[in-house]
N, C-alpha and C. Protein backbone atom coordinates (compact mmCIF):
# COMPACT_ATOMS: atom_id res chain seq x y z
N MET A 1 104.15 98.33 103.50
CA MET A 1 105.43 98.92 103.69
C MET A 1 106.18 99.00 102.38
N HIS A 2 106.74 100.11 102.11
CA HIS A 2 107.52 100.31 100.89
C HIS A 2 108.89 99.71 101.04
N PHE A 3 109.52 99.40 99.94
CA PHE A 3 110.83 98.74 99.98
C PHE A 3 111.86 99.52 100.74
N SER A 4 111.86 100.82 100.60
CA SER A 4 112.83 101.64 101.35
C SER A 4 112.60 101.55 102.84
N GLU A 5 111.37 101.44 103.25
CA GLU A 5 111.06 101.24 104.69
C GLU A 5 111.54 99.87 105.16
N LEU A 6 111.34 98.86 104.29
CA LEU A 6 111.81 97.53 104.65
C LEU A 6 113.35 97.50 104.84
N ILE A 7 114.05 98.14 103.94
CA ILE A 7 115.51 98.25 104.03
C ILE A 7 115.89 98.87 105.39
N GLN A 8 115.26 100.04 105.68
CA GLN A 8 115.58 100.78 106.89
C GLN A 8 115.27 99.99 108.13
N THR A 9 114.15 99.25 108.13
CA THR A 9 113.74 98.49 109.31
C THR A 9 114.72 97.37 109.57
N ILE A 10 115.16 96.66 108.56
CA ILE A 10 116.10 95.58 108.73
C ILE A 10 117.47 96.13 109.15
N LYS A 11 117.88 97.22 108.53
CA LYS A 11 119.16 97.78 108.94
C LYS A 11 119.14 98.26 110.39
N GLU A 12 118.05 98.94 110.79
CA GLU A 12 117.96 99.41 112.17
C GLU A 12 117.94 98.23 113.19
N ARG A 13 117.27 97.16 112.85
CA ARG A 13 117.22 95.96 113.70
C ARG A 13 118.61 95.37 113.82
N ARG A 14 119.30 95.29 112.73
CA ARG A 14 120.70 94.74 112.74
C ARG A 14 121.58 95.58 113.64
N GLU A 15 121.48 96.90 113.50
CA GLU A 15 122.29 97.79 114.31
C GLU A 15 121.87 97.75 115.77
N ALA A 16 120.58 97.65 116.05
CA ALA A 16 120.10 97.57 117.46
C ALA A 16 120.66 96.32 118.15
N LEU A 17 120.79 95.26 117.38
CA LEU A 17 121.31 94.01 117.93
C LEU A 17 122.85 93.96 117.96
N ASP A 18 123.43 95.04 117.45
CA ASP A 18 124.91 95.20 117.38
C ASP A 18 125.51 94.03 116.53
N VAL A 19 124.87 93.74 115.41
CA VAL A 19 125.34 92.75 114.46
C VAL A 19 125.89 93.45 113.28
N THR A 20 127.11 93.06 112.86
CA THR A 20 127.68 93.71 111.69
C THR A 20 127.14 93.07 110.42
N GLN A 21 127.35 93.68 109.31
CA GLN A 21 126.92 93.12 108.03
C GLN A 21 127.61 91.78 107.80
N ASP A 22 128.89 91.71 108.19
CA ASP A 22 129.66 90.46 108.02
C ASP A 22 129.00 89.28 108.77
N VAL A 23 128.65 89.56 110.03
CA VAL A 23 128.05 88.53 110.83
C VAL A 23 126.69 88.15 110.33
N LEU A 24 125.88 89.14 109.94
CA LEU A 24 124.55 88.85 109.40
C LEU A 24 124.66 87.97 108.17
N ALA A 25 125.60 88.27 107.29
CA ALA A 25 125.82 87.48 106.08
C ALA A 25 126.19 86.04 106.45
N GLU A 26 127.11 85.92 107.39
CA GLU A 26 127.57 84.60 107.77
C GLU A 26 126.48 83.76 108.41
N LEU A 27 125.73 84.37 109.34
CA LEU A 27 124.66 83.61 110.05
C LEU A 27 123.51 83.26 109.20
N SER A 28 123.24 84.13 108.21
CA SER A 28 122.05 83.91 107.35
C SER A 28 122.38 83.07 106.11
N GLY A 29 123.64 82.91 105.82
CA GLY A 29 124.02 82.18 104.61
C GLY A 29 123.84 83.00 103.37
N VAL A 30 123.76 84.31 103.52
CA VAL A 30 123.58 85.23 102.42
C VAL A 30 124.97 85.92 102.19
N GLY A 31 125.30 86.15 100.96
CA GLY A 31 126.61 86.77 100.64
C GLY A 31 126.70 88.18 101.20
N LEU A 32 127.90 88.57 101.68
CA LEU A 32 128.15 89.87 102.21
C LEU A 32 127.83 90.94 101.16
N ARG A 33 128.17 90.68 99.92
CA ARG A 33 127.86 91.68 98.88
C ARG A 33 126.35 91.86 98.79
N THR A 34 125.58 90.85 98.89
CA THR A 34 124.10 90.92 98.83
C THR A 34 123.61 91.78 99.97
N VAL A 35 124.09 91.52 101.15
CA VAL A 35 123.67 92.31 102.32
C VAL A 35 124.00 93.77 102.14
N LYS A 36 125.22 94.08 101.69
CA LYS A 36 125.62 95.44 101.50
C LYS A 36 124.76 96.12 100.40
N GLN A 37 124.56 95.44 99.32
CA GLN A 37 123.72 96.01 98.25
C GLN A 37 122.29 96.26 98.75
N PHE A 38 121.74 95.32 99.47
CA PHE A 38 120.38 95.48 100.00
C PHE A 38 120.27 96.69 100.89
N GLU A 39 121.22 96.82 101.85
CA GLU A 39 121.15 97.94 102.79
C GLU A 39 121.44 99.28 102.12
N SER A 40 122.13 99.29 100.98
CA SER A 40 122.36 100.52 100.28
C SER A 40 121.24 100.83 99.31
N GLY A 41 120.25 99.96 99.16
CA GLY A 41 119.14 100.20 98.32
C GLY A 41 119.46 99.85 96.85
N LYS A 42 120.58 99.22 96.61
CA LYS A 42 120.99 98.90 95.25
C LYS A 42 120.65 97.46 94.84
N GLY A 43 120.33 96.64 95.81
CA GLY A 43 120.03 95.26 95.54
C GLY A 43 118.56 94.98 95.45
N ASN A 44 118.22 93.84 94.89
CA ASN A 44 116.80 93.44 94.81
C ASN A 44 116.74 91.97 95.28
N PRO A 45 116.75 91.77 96.62
CA PRO A 45 116.80 90.42 97.16
C PRO A 45 115.55 89.64 96.88
N THR A 46 115.71 88.35 96.80
CA THR A 46 114.57 87.46 96.63
C THR A 46 113.82 87.40 97.97
N LEU A 47 112.63 86.87 97.96
CA LEU A 47 111.84 86.64 99.18
C LEU A 47 112.56 85.68 100.07
N SER A 48 113.25 84.69 99.53
CA SER A 48 114.01 83.74 100.29
C SER A 48 115.18 84.44 101.06
N THR A 49 115.83 85.34 100.34
CA THR A 49 116.93 86.09 101.02
C THR A 49 116.38 86.97 102.12
N LEU A 50 115.28 87.65 101.92
CA LEU A 50 114.69 88.47 102.95
C LEU A 50 114.30 87.60 104.11
N HIS A 51 113.78 86.45 103.89
CA HIS A 51 113.40 85.52 104.98
C HIS A 51 114.63 85.12 105.80
N LYS A 52 115.71 84.80 105.14
CA LYS A 52 116.97 84.40 105.83
C LYS A 52 117.49 85.52 106.73
N LEU A 53 117.51 86.74 106.15
CA LEU A 53 118.02 87.90 106.93
C LEU A 53 117.08 88.18 108.14
N ALA A 54 115.80 88.19 107.90
CA ALA A 54 114.82 88.48 108.92
C ALA A 54 114.91 87.40 110.05
N ASP A 55 115.05 86.16 109.66
CA ASP A 55 115.13 85.07 110.63
C ASP A 55 116.25 85.28 111.61
N VAL A 56 117.43 85.60 111.08
CA VAL A 56 118.63 85.82 111.97
C VAL A 56 118.39 87.00 112.91
N LEU A 57 117.62 87.98 112.42
CA LEU A 57 117.37 89.15 113.25
C LEU A 57 116.16 89.06 114.15
N GLY A 58 115.54 87.83 114.16
CA GLY A 58 114.37 87.63 115.01
C GLY A 58 113.14 88.34 114.49
N MET A 59 113.08 88.47 113.18
CA MET A 59 111.93 89.16 112.58
C MET A 59 111.20 88.17 111.66
N GLU A 60 110.07 88.59 111.15
CA GLU A 60 109.26 87.72 110.31
C GLU A 60 108.86 88.46 109.03
N VAL A 61 108.93 87.84 107.91
CA VAL A 61 108.53 88.43 106.66
C VAL A 61 107.09 88.02 106.44
N CYS A 62 106.23 88.97 106.18
CA CYS A 62 104.80 88.70 105.91
C CYS A 62 104.48 89.30 104.57
N LEU A 63 103.95 88.48 103.67
CA LEU A 63 103.63 88.94 102.34
C LEU A 63 102.12 89.10 102.17
N LYS A 64 101.67 90.25 101.71
CA LYS A 64 100.29 90.46 101.39
C LYS A 64 100.11 90.55 99.88
N ILE A 65 99.14 89.81 99.40
CA ILE A 65 98.88 89.83 97.96
C ILE A 65 97.54 90.57 97.79
N LYS A 66 97.63 91.64 97.00
CA LYS A 66 96.42 92.44 96.81
C LYS A 66 95.62 91.84 95.69
N ASN A 67 94.31 91.71 95.91
CA ASN A 67 93.40 91.19 94.88
C ASN A 67 92.95 92.34 93.98
N ILE A 68 93.36 92.28 92.75
CA ILE A 68 92.98 93.33 91.83
C ILE A 68 92.02 92.72 90.76
N SER A 69 90.88 93.30 90.65
CA SER A 69 89.94 92.78 89.64
C SER A 69 90.43 93.16 88.24
N PRO A 70 90.37 92.25 87.32
CA PRO A 70 90.81 92.53 85.96
C PRO A 70 89.81 93.53 85.28
N THR A 71 90.33 94.38 84.48
CA THR A 71 89.50 95.32 83.74
C THR A 71 89.06 94.69 82.49
N LYS A 72 87.87 95.08 82.05
CA LYS A 72 87.30 94.49 80.81
C LYS A 72 87.53 95.41 79.66
């Protein structure tokens, strides 16, 4: 999933649950400014922040690490 898709997915989930950005920030312990920047595509949240937001929204963050062979 690309970052823009992640932003859209979280925003859509928040809206589907009828949760405002203010409430999401409060429940997740993430600053309102951070939530607004993230949803506008201007922020670069940490994995910890993404986990906090997802947890409040009943979602899960799954990280895949791609194995790339070093070139010689």
